[in-house]
N, C-alpha and C. Protein backbone atom coordinates (compact mmCIF):
# COMPACT_ATOMS: atom_id res chain seq x y z
N MET A 1 -8.30 -98.91 135.03
CA MET A 1 -8.69 -98.00 133.98
C MET A 1 -8.63 -98.70 132.62
N LYS A 2 -7.59 -99.51 132.40
CA LYS A 2 -7.45 -100.22 131.14
C LYS A 2 -8.62 -101.18 130.93
N ILE A 3 -9.01 -101.87 131.98
CA ILE A 3 -10.14 -102.80 131.88
C ILE A 3 -11.41 -102.04 131.55
N LYS A 4 -11.64 -100.90 132.22
CA LYS A 4 -12.82 -100.09 131.94
C LYS A 4 -12.83 -99.64 130.48
N LEU A 5 -11.67 -99.23 130.00
CA LEU A 5 -11.58 -98.77 128.61
C LEU A 5 -11.90 -99.91 127.65
N LYS A 6 -11.36 -101.09 127.95
CA LYS A 6 -11.58 -102.24 127.07
C LYS A 6 -13.05 -102.65 127.08
N GLU A 7 -13.63 -102.72 128.28
CA GLU A 7 -15.03 -103.12 128.40
C GLU A 7 -15.97 -102.11 127.75
N GLY A 8 -15.62 -100.85 127.90
CA GLY A 8 -16.47 -99.80 127.33
C GLY A 8 -16.26 -99.61 125.84
N GLY A 9 -15.32 -100.37 125.26
CA GLY A 9 -15.08 -100.24 123.83
C GLY A 9 -14.46 -98.89 123.48
N SER A 10 -13.83 -98.28 124.46
CA SER A 10 -13.26 -96.96 124.22
C SER A 10 -12.10 -97.03 123.24
N GLU A 11 -12.03 -96.03 122.39
CA GLU A 11 -10.92 -95.95 121.45
C GLU A 11 -9.61 -95.67 122.18
N LEU A 12 -9.68 -95.19 123.42
CA LEU A 12 -8.46 -94.96 124.18
C LEU A 12 -7.67 -96.24 124.37
N TYR A 13 -8.38 -97.36 124.44
CA TYR A 13 -7.70 -98.63 124.62
C TYR A 13 -6.75 -98.90 123.45
N ASP A 14 -7.09 -98.36 122.29
CA ASP A 14 -6.23 -98.53 121.11
C ASP A 14 -4.88 -97.83 121.29
N PHE A 15 -4.80 -96.84 122.15
CA PHE A 15 -3.56 -96.10 122.34
C PHE A 15 -2.59 -96.80 123.30
N ILE A 16 -3.11 -97.78 124.02
CA ILE A 16 -2.28 -98.46 125.01
C ILE A 16 -1.72 -99.75 124.39
N VAL A 17 -0.41 -99.88 124.43
CA VAL A 17 0.24 -101.10 123.93
C VAL A 17 1.13 -101.64 125.04
N GLN A 18 1.50 -102.88 124.93
CA GLN A 18 2.40 -103.46 125.92
C GLN A 18 3.76 -103.71 125.27
N LEU A 19 4.79 -103.23 125.94
CA LEU A 19 6.16 -103.43 125.51
C LEU A 19 6.93 -104.08 126.64
N LYS A 20 7.91 -104.88 126.30
CA LYS A 20 8.76 -105.48 127.34
C LYS A 20 9.80 -104.44 127.74
N LEU A 21 9.73 -104.02 129.00
CA LEU A 21 10.67 -103.06 129.54
C LEU A 21 11.40 -103.66 130.73
N LYS A 22 12.68 -103.29 130.87
CA LYS A 22 13.49 -103.82 131.97
C LYS A 22 13.09 -103.14 133.27
N ALA A 23 12.85 -103.95 134.29
CA ALA A 23 12.48 -103.45 135.62
C ALA A 23 13.73 -103.33 136.48
N SER A 24 13.55 -102.81 137.69
CA SER A 24 14.69 -102.62 138.60
C SER A 24 15.34 -103.94 139.00
N ASP A 25 14.59 -105.04 138.88
CA ASP A 25 15.17 -106.35 139.21
C ASP A 25 15.97 -106.94 138.03
N GLY A 26 16.05 -106.17 136.93
CA GLY A 26 16.82 -106.62 135.77
C GLY A 26 16.04 -107.46 134.78
N LYS A 27 14.83 -107.87 135.16
CA LYS A 27 14.00 -108.69 134.28
C LYS A 27 13.13 -107.78 133.41
N GLU A 28 12.70 -108.34 132.27
CA GLU A 28 11.81 -107.60 131.38
C GLU A 28 10.37 -108.04 131.61
N TYR A 29 9.49 -107.06 131.73
CA TYR A 29 8.07 -107.32 131.95
C TYR A 29 7.24 -106.56 130.93
N GLU A 30 6.10 -107.16 130.56
CA GLU A 30 5.14 -106.47 129.70
C GLU A 30 4.63 -105.25 130.47
N THR A 31 4.77 -104.08 129.87
CA THR A 31 4.42 -102.83 130.53
C THR A 31 3.49 -102.02 129.63
N ASP A 32 2.43 -101.48 130.22
CA ASP A 32 1.52 -100.63 129.45
C ASP A 32 2.23 -99.35 129.04
N CYS A 33 2.14 -99.01 127.75
CA CYS A 33 2.80 -97.82 127.22
C CYS A 33 1.84 -97.12 126.26
N ALA A 34 2.08 -95.83 126.07
CA ALA A 34 1.30 -95.05 125.10
C ALA A 34 2.21 -93.97 124.54
N ASP A 35 1.90 -93.52 123.31
CA ASP A 35 2.65 -92.41 122.75
C ASP A 35 2.12 -91.10 123.33
N ILE A 36 2.69 -89.98 122.92
CA ILE A 36 2.31 -88.69 123.51
C ILE A 36 0.83 -88.40 123.30
N GLU A 37 0.33 -88.64 122.10
CA GLU A 37 -1.09 -88.40 121.84
C GLU A 37 -1.94 -89.28 122.75
N GLY A 38 -1.53 -90.53 122.92
CA GLY A 38 -2.26 -91.44 123.80
C GLY A 38 -2.27 -90.97 125.23
N ILE A 39 -1.12 -90.47 125.71
CA ILE A 39 -1.04 -89.94 127.09
C ILE A 39 -2.01 -88.77 127.25
N PHE A 40 -2.04 -87.87 126.26
CA PHE A 40 -2.96 -86.73 126.34
C PHE A 40 -4.41 -87.21 126.36
N ARG A 41 -4.74 -88.21 125.54
CA ARG A 41 -6.10 -88.73 125.53
C ARG A 41 -6.45 -89.37 126.87
N ILE A 42 -5.50 -90.07 127.46
CA ILE A 42 -5.73 -90.69 128.77
C ILE A 42 -5.98 -89.61 129.82
N ILE A 43 -5.17 -88.56 129.80
CA ILE A 43 -5.35 -87.45 130.76
C ILE A 43 -6.74 -86.86 130.61
N GLN A 44 -7.18 -86.66 129.36
CA GLN A 44 -8.51 -86.09 129.12
C GLN A 44 -9.62 -86.99 129.68
N SER A 45 -9.38 -88.30 129.72
CA SER A 45 -10.43 -89.22 130.15
C SER A 45 -10.50 -89.40 131.66
N ILE A 46 -9.53 -88.88 132.40
CA ILE A 46 -9.49 -89.08 133.85
C ILE A 46 -10.54 -88.19 134.52
N PRO A 47 -11.47 -88.78 135.29
CA PRO A 47 -12.53 -87.97 135.90
C PRO A 47 -12.09 -87.26 137.19
N SER A 48 -10.88 -87.44 137.65
CA SER A 48 -10.43 -86.88 138.92
C SER A 48 -10.21 -85.36 138.83
N LYS A 49 -10.50 -84.67 139.94
CA LYS A 49 -10.24 -83.23 140.02
C LYS A 49 -8.75 -82.93 139.95
N LYS A 50 -7.93 -83.90 140.35
CA LYS A 50 -6.48 -83.71 140.29
C LYS A 50 -5.98 -83.61 138.85
N ALA A 51 -6.74 -84.13 137.91
CA ALA A 51 -6.34 -84.07 136.50
C ALA A 51 -6.74 -82.74 135.85
N GLU A 52 -7.57 -81.95 136.53
CA GLU A 52 -8.06 -80.70 135.95
C GLU A 52 -6.96 -79.72 135.52
N PRO A 53 -5.90 -79.51 136.33
CA PRO A 53 -4.84 -78.60 135.86
C PRO A 53 -4.22 -79.05 134.53
N PHE A 54 -4.03 -80.36 134.37
CA PHE A 54 -3.49 -80.88 133.11
C PHE A 54 -4.47 -80.64 131.96
N LYS A 55 -5.75 -80.89 132.23
CA LYS A 55 -6.77 -80.70 131.20
C LYS A 55 -6.86 -79.23 130.78
N ARG A 56 -6.79 -78.33 131.77
CA ARG A 56 -6.82 -76.89 131.45
C ARG A 56 -5.61 -76.50 130.61
N ARG A 57 -4.45 -77.04 130.97
CA ARG A 57 -3.22 -76.73 130.22
C ARG A 57 -3.32 -77.25 128.78
N LEU A 58 -3.83 -78.47 128.60
CA LEU A 58 -4.01 -79.01 127.26
C LEU A 58 -5.01 -78.17 126.46
N ALA A 59 -6.08 -77.72 127.10
CA ALA A 59 -7.07 -76.88 126.42
C ALA A 59 -6.44 -75.55 126.01
N LYS A 60 -5.63 -74.97 126.89
CA LYS A 60 -4.96 -73.70 126.58
C LYS A 60 -4.02 -73.86 125.39
N ILE A 61 -3.24 -74.93 125.40
CA ILE A 61 -2.31 -75.17 124.29
C ILE A 61 -3.10 -75.39 122.99
N GLY A 62 -4.17 -76.15 123.06
CA GLY A 62 -5.02 -76.36 121.88
C GLY A 62 -5.57 -75.05 121.34
N TYR A 63 -6.03 -74.20 122.24
CA TYR A 63 -6.56 -72.89 121.84
C TYR A 63 -5.47 -72.05 121.17
N GLU A 64 -4.26 -72.07 121.76
CA GLU A 64 -3.16 -71.30 121.18
C GLU A 64 -2.82 -71.80 119.77
N ARG A 65 -2.84 -73.11 119.56
CA ARG A 65 -2.53 -73.65 118.23
C ARG A 65 -3.59 -73.26 117.22
N VAL A 66 -4.86 -73.24 117.63
CA VAL A 66 -5.93 -72.81 116.73
C VAL A 66 -5.72 -71.34 116.35
N LYS A 67 -5.35 -70.51 117.31
CA LYS A 67 -5.07 -69.09 117.02
C LYS A 67 -3.89 -68.97 116.04
N GLU A 68 -2.88 -69.85 116.18
CA GLU A 68 -1.72 -69.82 115.29
C GLU A 68 -2.10 -70.25 113.87
N ILE A 69 -3.08 -71.13 113.75
CA ILE A 69 -3.57 -71.51 112.42
C ILE A 69 -4.22 -70.30 111.76
N GLU A 70 -4.97 -69.54 112.55
CA GLU A 70 -5.62 -68.33 112.03
C GLU A 70 -4.60 -67.25 111.70
N ASN A 71 -3.52 -67.17 112.48
CA ASN A 71 -2.50 -66.15 112.29
C ASN A 71 -1.12 -66.78 112.49
N PRO A 72 -0.49 -67.29 111.42
CA PRO A 72 0.80 -67.99 111.54
C PRO A 72 1.93 -67.16 112.16
N GLU A 73 1.82 -65.85 112.13
CA GLU A 73 2.86 -65.03 112.78
C GLU A 73 2.94 -65.31 114.28
N LEU A 74 1.83 -65.70 114.88
CA LEU A 74 1.83 -66.04 116.30
C LEU A 74 2.74 -67.24 116.57
N ALA A 75 2.73 -68.21 115.64
CA ALA A 75 3.59 -69.39 115.80
C ALA A 75 5.05 -68.99 115.73
N GLN A 76 5.37 -68.08 114.83
CA GLN A 76 6.75 -67.62 114.71
C GLN A 76 7.18 -66.86 115.96
N GLU A 77 6.29 -66.06 116.51
CA GLU A 77 6.60 -65.34 117.76
C GLU A 77 6.81 -66.31 118.92
N ARG A 78 5.97 -67.36 118.96
CA ARG A 78 6.13 -68.37 120.01
C ARG A 78 7.47 -69.07 119.87
N MET A 79 7.85 -69.37 118.62
CA MET A 79 9.14 -70.02 118.38
C MET A 79 10.29 -69.12 118.85
N LYS A 80 10.22 -67.83 118.52
CA LYS A 80 11.26 -66.89 118.97
C LYS A 80 11.35 -66.86 120.49
N GLN A 81 10.20 -66.82 121.14
CA GLN A 81 10.16 -66.78 122.60
C GLN A 81 10.78 -68.05 123.20
N LEU A 82 10.48 -69.21 122.61
CA LEU A 82 11.05 -70.46 123.11
C LEU A 82 12.57 -70.47 122.98
N TYR A 83 13.07 -69.99 121.84
CA TYR A 83 14.52 -69.92 121.67
C TYR A 83 15.15 -68.93 122.65
N GLU A 84 14.49 -67.80 122.88
CA GLU A 84 15.01 -66.82 123.85
C GLU A 84 15.06 -67.43 125.24
N GLU A 85 14.01 -68.18 125.62
CA GLU A 85 13.97 -68.83 126.93
C GLU A 85 15.09 -69.87 127.08
N LYS A 86 15.53 -70.44 125.94
CA LYS A 86 16.64 -71.40 125.98
C LYS A 86 18.00 -70.70 126.01
N GLY A 87 18.00 -69.36 125.89
CA GLY A 87 19.25 -68.61 126.01
C GLY A 87 19.90 -68.21 124.70
N TYR A 88 19.23 -68.41 123.58
CA TYR A 88 19.80 -68.01 122.29
C TYR A 88 19.69 -66.49 122.10
N SER A 89 20.67 -65.91 121.40
CA SER A 89 20.65 -64.47 121.13
C SER A 89 19.63 -64.17 120.03
N LYS A 90 19.16 -62.93 119.99
CA LYS A 90 18.21 -62.51 118.96
C LYS A 90 18.80 -62.67 117.56
N GLU A 91 20.10 -62.40 117.43
CA GLU A 91 20.77 -62.54 116.13
C GLU A 91 20.76 -63.99 115.67
N TRP A 92 21.08 -64.91 116.61
CA TRP A 92 21.08 -66.32 116.27
C TRP A 92 19.68 -66.76 115.88
N ILE A 93 18.69 -66.31 116.64
CA ILE A 93 17.29 -66.69 116.37
C ILE A 93 16.87 -66.25 114.98
N GLU A 94 17.26 -65.03 114.58
CA GLU A 94 16.91 -64.54 113.25
C GLU A 94 17.53 -65.42 112.17
N LYS A 95 18.79 -65.84 112.37
CA LYS A 95 19.44 -66.73 111.41
C LYS A 95 18.73 -68.08 111.37
N ARG A 96 18.36 -68.58 112.52
CA ARG A 96 17.68 -69.88 112.58
C ARG A 96 16.34 -69.82 111.85
N ILE A 97 15.61 -68.74 112.05
CA ILE A 97 14.31 -68.60 111.39
C ILE A 97 14.49 -68.47 109.88
N ARG A 98 15.50 -67.71 109.47
CA ARG A 98 15.79 -67.58 108.03
C ARG A 98 16.17 -68.94 107.46
N GLY A 99 16.96 -69.71 108.23
CA GLY A 99 17.35 -71.05 107.80
C GLY A 99 16.15 -71.96 107.61
N ILE A 100 15.16 -71.83 108.48
CA ILE A 100 13.93 -72.63 108.37
C ILE A 100 13.21 -72.29 107.07
N ALA A 101 13.15 -71.00 106.73
CA ALA A 101 12.49 -70.57 105.49
C ALA A 101 13.23 -71.11 104.26
N ILE A 102 14.55 -71.06 104.29
CA ILE A 102 15.35 -71.56 103.16
C ILE A 102 15.17 -73.07 103.03
N ARG A 103 15.17 -73.77 104.15
CA ARG A 103 14.96 -75.22 104.14
C ARG A 103 13.59 -75.56 103.56
N SER A 104 12.59 -74.79 103.94
CA SER A 104 11.24 -75.02 103.44
C SER A 104 11.17 -74.82 101.92
N GLU A 105 11.84 -73.80 101.40
CA GLU A 105 11.89 -73.58 99.95
C GLU A 105 12.50 -74.80 99.26
N LEU A 106 13.58 -75.31 99.84
CA LEU A 106 14.26 -76.46 99.25
C LEU A 106 13.37 -77.70 99.28
N THR A 107 12.77 -77.99 100.41
CA THR A 107 11.95 -79.21 100.48
C THR A 107 10.72 -79.10 99.58
N ASP A 108 10.16 -77.89 99.45
CA ASP A 108 9.06 -77.70 98.51
C ASP A 108 9.51 -77.99 97.08
N GLU A 109 10.70 -77.52 96.75
CA GLU A 109 11.26 -77.77 95.42
C GLU A 109 11.46 -79.27 95.20
N TRP A 110 12.00 -79.97 96.20
CA TRP A 110 12.19 -81.41 96.09
C TRP A 110 10.86 -82.13 95.89
N LYS A 111 9.84 -81.72 96.63
CA LYS A 111 8.52 -82.36 96.49
C LYS A 111 8.00 -82.22 95.07
N ASN A 112 8.28 -81.08 94.45
CA ASN A 112 7.85 -80.84 93.07
C ASN A 112 8.67 -81.64 92.06
N ARG A 113 9.76 -82.25 92.52
CA ARG A 113 10.68 -82.95 91.62
C ARG A 113 10.76 -84.43 91.96
N ASP A 114 9.64 -84.96 92.42
CA ASP A 114 9.47 -86.40 92.65
C ASP A 114 10.30 -86.94 93.82
N ILE A 115 10.57 -86.11 94.81
CA ILE A 115 11.20 -86.57 96.05
C ILE A 115 10.07 -86.58 97.07
N LYS A 116 9.67 -87.78 97.48
CA LYS A 116 8.49 -87.90 98.34
C LYS A 116 8.79 -88.54 99.69
N GLU A 117 9.68 -89.50 99.71
CA GLU A 117 9.89 -90.28 100.93
C GLU A 117 10.85 -89.59 101.88
N GLU A 118 10.61 -89.78 103.16
CA GLU A 118 11.46 -89.19 104.19
C GLU A 118 12.91 -89.63 104.03
N LEU A 119 13.11 -90.88 103.65
CA LEU A 119 14.46 -91.40 103.44
C LEU A 119 15.19 -90.63 102.34
N GLU A 120 14.48 -90.30 101.27
CA GLU A 120 15.11 -89.55 100.18
C GLU A 120 15.49 -88.14 100.63
N PHE A 121 14.64 -87.52 101.44
CA PHE A 121 14.98 -86.19 101.99
C PHE A 121 16.25 -86.28 102.82
N ALA A 122 16.36 -87.35 103.61
CA ALA A 122 17.55 -87.54 104.46
C ALA A 122 18.79 -87.76 103.60
N ILE A 123 18.68 -88.53 102.54
CA ILE A 123 19.82 -88.77 101.65
C ILE A 123 20.30 -87.46 101.05
N LEU A 124 19.38 -86.66 100.56
CA LEU A 124 19.74 -85.38 99.93
C LEU A 124 20.32 -84.41 100.95
N THR A 125 19.75 -84.38 102.14
CA THR A 125 20.26 -83.51 103.20
C THR A 125 21.69 -83.91 103.57
N ASN A 126 21.95 -85.22 103.60
CA ASN A 126 23.31 -85.70 103.87
C ASN A 126 24.29 -85.24 102.81
N GLU A 127 23.87 -85.22 101.55
CA GLU A 127 24.75 -84.75 100.47
C GLU A 127 25.14 -83.29 100.70
N ILE A 128 24.19 -82.48 101.10
CA ILE A 128 24.47 -81.06 101.36
C ILE A 128 25.40 -80.93 102.57
N SER A 129 25.13 -81.70 103.61
CA SER A 129 25.95 -81.65 104.82
C SER A 129 27.39 -82.07 104.52
N LYS A 130 27.55 -83.12 103.72
CA LYS A 130 28.90 -83.58 103.37
C LYS A 130 29.63 -82.51 102.56
N ALA A 131 28.90 -81.84 101.66
CA ALA A 131 29.53 -80.79 100.84
C ALA A 131 29.91 -79.58 101.70
N ALA A 132 29.07 -79.24 102.66
CA ALA A 132 29.32 -78.05 103.49
C ALA A 132 30.31 -78.32 104.62
N PHE A 133 30.23 -79.50 105.24
CA PHE A 133 31.01 -79.75 106.45
C PHE A 133 31.92 -80.97 106.38
N GLY A 134 31.83 -81.73 105.28
CA GLY A 134 32.65 -82.93 105.16
C GLY A 134 32.14 -84.09 106.01
N LYS A 135 30.92 -83.98 106.52
CA LYS A 135 30.35 -85.02 107.37
C LYS A 135 28.86 -85.17 107.07
N SER A 136 28.36 -86.40 107.21
CA SER A 136 26.91 -86.61 107.11
C SER A 136 26.26 -85.98 108.35
N VAL A 137 24.96 -85.86 108.31
CA VAL A 137 24.23 -85.30 109.46
C VAL A 137 24.50 -86.13 110.71
N GLU A 138 24.44 -87.46 110.59
CA GLU A 138 24.68 -88.32 111.76
C GLU A 138 26.10 -88.18 112.28
N GLU A 139 27.07 -88.10 111.38
CA GLU A 139 28.47 -87.92 111.80
C GLU A 139 28.64 -86.58 112.51
N TYR A 140 27.96 -85.56 112.00
CA TYR A 140 28.05 -84.23 112.59
C TYR A 140 27.39 -84.21 113.97
N LYS A 141 26.24 -84.89 114.10
CA LYS A 141 25.58 -84.98 115.40
C LYS A 141 26.46 -85.72 116.40
N LYS A 142 27.13 -86.77 115.93
CA LYS A 142 28.02 -87.53 116.80
C LYS A 142 29.18 -86.65 117.25
N LEU A 143 29.74 -85.86 116.33
CA LEU A 143 30.83 -84.94 116.66
C LEU A 143 30.40 -83.95 117.76
N LYS A 144 29.16 -83.51 117.69
CA LYS A 144 28.63 -82.55 118.66
C LYS A 144 28.03 -83.24 119.89
N LYS A 145 28.13 -84.57 119.93
CA LYS A 145 27.62 -85.36 121.05
C LYS A 145 26.11 -85.15 121.26
N LEU A 146 25.37 -85.19 120.15
CA LEU A 146 23.91 -85.04 120.19
C LEU A 146 23.27 -86.39 119.96
N ASP A 147 22.14 -86.60 120.59
CA ASP A 147 21.40 -87.84 120.39
C ASP A 147 20.14 -87.54 119.60
N ARG A 148 19.08 -87.15 120.28
CA ARG A 148 17.81 -86.85 119.62
C ARG A 148 17.64 -85.37 119.34
N GLU A 149 18.55 -84.55 119.84
CA GLU A 149 18.40 -83.11 119.69
C GLU A 149 18.52 -82.70 118.23
N ASN A 150 17.94 -81.56 117.92
CA ASN A 150 18.01 -81.00 116.58
C ASN A 150 19.41 -80.43 116.35
N LEU A 151 20.09 -80.91 115.33
CA LEU A 151 21.46 -80.47 115.03
C LEU A 151 21.52 -78.97 114.81
N ARG A 152 20.59 -78.42 114.07
CA ARG A 152 20.62 -76.99 113.75
C ARG A 152 20.49 -76.12 115.00
N ASP A 153 19.80 -76.61 116.00
CA ASP A 153 19.67 -75.86 117.25
C ASP A 153 20.98 -75.84 118.03
N HIS A 154 21.96 -76.62 117.58
CA HIS A 154 23.26 -76.66 118.25
C HIS A 154 24.38 -76.15 117.34
N MET A 155 23.99 -75.43 116.31
CA MET A 155 24.97 -74.83 115.41
C MET A 155 25.23 -73.40 115.83
N ASP A 156 26.46 -72.95 115.60
CA ASP A 156 26.76 -71.54 115.85
C ASP A 156 26.38 -70.73 114.61
N ASP A 157 26.61 -69.42 114.67
CA ASP A 157 26.20 -68.54 113.57
C ASP A 157 26.78 -68.97 112.22
N LEU A 158 28.07 -69.26 112.18
CA LEU A 158 28.69 -69.65 110.91
C LEU A 158 28.15 -70.97 110.38
N GLU A 159 27.93 -71.92 111.25
CA GLU A 159 27.37 -73.20 110.82
C GLU A 159 25.97 -73.01 110.22
N LEU A 160 25.17 -72.15 110.86
CA LEU A 160 23.84 -71.86 110.31
C LEU A 160 23.95 -71.21 108.95
N ILE A 161 24.89 -70.27 108.81
CA ILE A 161 25.07 -69.57 107.54
C ILE A 161 25.50 -70.54 106.45
N PHE A 162 26.47 -71.41 106.75
CA PHE A 162 26.92 -72.39 105.75
C PHE A 162 25.80 -73.36 105.38
N THR A 163 24.98 -73.73 106.35
CA THR A 163 23.84 -74.61 106.07
C THR A 163 22.85 -73.90 105.15
N MET A 164 22.55 -72.64 105.46
CA MET A 164 21.64 -71.87 104.61
C MET A 164 22.20 -71.73 103.20
N LEU A 165 23.49 -71.43 103.11
CA LEU A 165 24.13 -71.27 101.80
C LEU A 165 24.03 -72.57 101.00
N GLY A 166 24.34 -73.69 101.66
CA GLY A 166 24.26 -74.98 100.98
C GLY A 166 22.86 -75.28 100.49
N GLU A 167 21.86 -74.99 101.30
CA GLU A 167 20.48 -75.29 100.92
C GLU A 167 19.96 -74.31 99.87
N ALA A 168 20.33 -73.04 99.97
CA ALA A 168 19.91 -72.06 98.97
C ALA A 168 20.57 -72.37 97.63
N ALA A 169 21.85 -72.73 97.65
CA ALA A 169 22.55 -73.08 96.42
C ALA A 169 21.93 -74.33 95.79
N THR A 170 21.59 -75.31 96.62
CA THR A 170 20.97 -76.54 96.12
C THR A 170 19.63 -76.23 95.46
N THR A 171 18.85 -75.34 96.07
CA THR A 171 17.56 -74.97 95.48
C THR A 171 17.78 -74.35 94.10
N ARG A 172 18.72 -73.44 94.01
CA ARG A 172 18.98 -72.76 92.73
C ARG A 172 19.49 -73.75 91.69
N ILE A 173 20.46 -74.60 92.06
CA ILE A 173 21.02 -75.58 91.12
C ILE A 173 19.94 -76.56 90.66
N THR A 174 19.09 -76.96 91.59
CA THR A 174 18.00 -77.89 91.27
C THR A 174 17.09 -77.28 90.20
N LYS A 175 16.78 -76.00 90.35
CA LYS A 175 15.92 -75.32 89.37
C LYS A 175 16.62 -75.17 88.03
N VAL A 176 17.86 -74.70 88.05
CA VAL A 176 18.61 -74.46 86.81
C VAL A 176 18.81 -75.75 86.02
N LYS A 177 19.15 -76.82 86.73
CA LYS A 177 19.41 -78.11 86.07
C LYS A 177 18.11 -78.89 85.82
N ASP A 178 17.00 -78.37 86.35
CA ASP A 178 15.71 -79.05 86.25
C ASP A 178 15.83 -80.51 86.70
N ALA A 179 16.48 -80.69 87.86
CA ALA A 179 16.72 -82.03 88.41
C ALA A 179 15.40 -82.72 88.72
N GLN A 180 15.30 -83.99 88.32
CA GLN A 180 14.12 -84.80 88.58
C GLN A 180 14.55 -86.10 89.24
N GLY A 181 13.83 -86.54 90.23
CA GLY A 181 14.12 -87.80 90.88
C GLY A 181 15.33 -87.74 91.79
N LEU A 182 15.58 -88.83 92.49
CA LEU A 182 16.61 -88.87 93.51
C LEU A 182 18.02 -88.67 92.95
N GLU A 183 18.38 -89.39 91.92
CA GLU A 183 19.77 -89.34 91.43
C GLU A 183 20.14 -87.96 90.91
N GLU A 184 19.29 -87.32 90.14
CA GLU A 184 19.58 -85.98 89.62
C GLU A 184 19.63 -84.96 90.76
N ASN A 185 18.77 -85.13 91.75
CA ASN A 185 18.77 -84.21 92.88
C ASN A 185 19.99 -84.42 93.78
N LYS A 186 20.50 -85.66 93.84
CA LYS A 186 21.74 -85.90 94.57
C LYS A 186 22.89 -85.13 93.93
N LEU A 187 22.96 -85.12 92.62
CA LEU A 187 24.00 -84.36 91.93
C LEU A 187 23.86 -82.87 92.21
N ALA A 188 22.67 -82.37 92.19
CA ALA A 188 22.43 -80.96 92.50
C ALA A 188 22.83 -80.63 93.93
N ALA A 189 22.53 -81.53 94.85
CA ALA A 189 22.86 -81.31 96.26
C ALA A 189 24.38 -81.32 96.47
N ARG A 190 25.08 -82.19 95.74
CA ARG A 190 26.55 -82.23 95.86
C ARG A 190 27.15 -80.95 95.34
């Protein structure tokens, strides 16, 4: 398939990269890899009938996302349903959703105050976390034994409330002090 893609000049070939991965024999070999978008594109290009269920599922998900763009409330309902399926209580879900809205207000405020880079957002978020919990986000994730998981999805009700309070207070202080740039916003976050 890779040769066909390369010969045909397909853009799918651009999604395939080779990385050295350790095999069962302990040696590292160049292995074809792709990111999630690349995997989806590869699935779409497979002419086999066995790939049809995957293609239908991808089309259904695509359709659902287009509907959510037209009506964002559908995305929020889907999010609630996913959290319910994971076993979270309705009360916790409502706090989590409120926390997302408060976080969005804060990040919008930061964007308006010359905070643009992802690293700067992380620095400011760490300041809030240290003020609220005495730990950076990474330290807190380590305490909870989390790796790639979302820290907020592993917070209890009080932790979510303290996080919301810290972020809402930071938004207000940022506005009152008219904080500009990273250093002034760090002070507001503290």
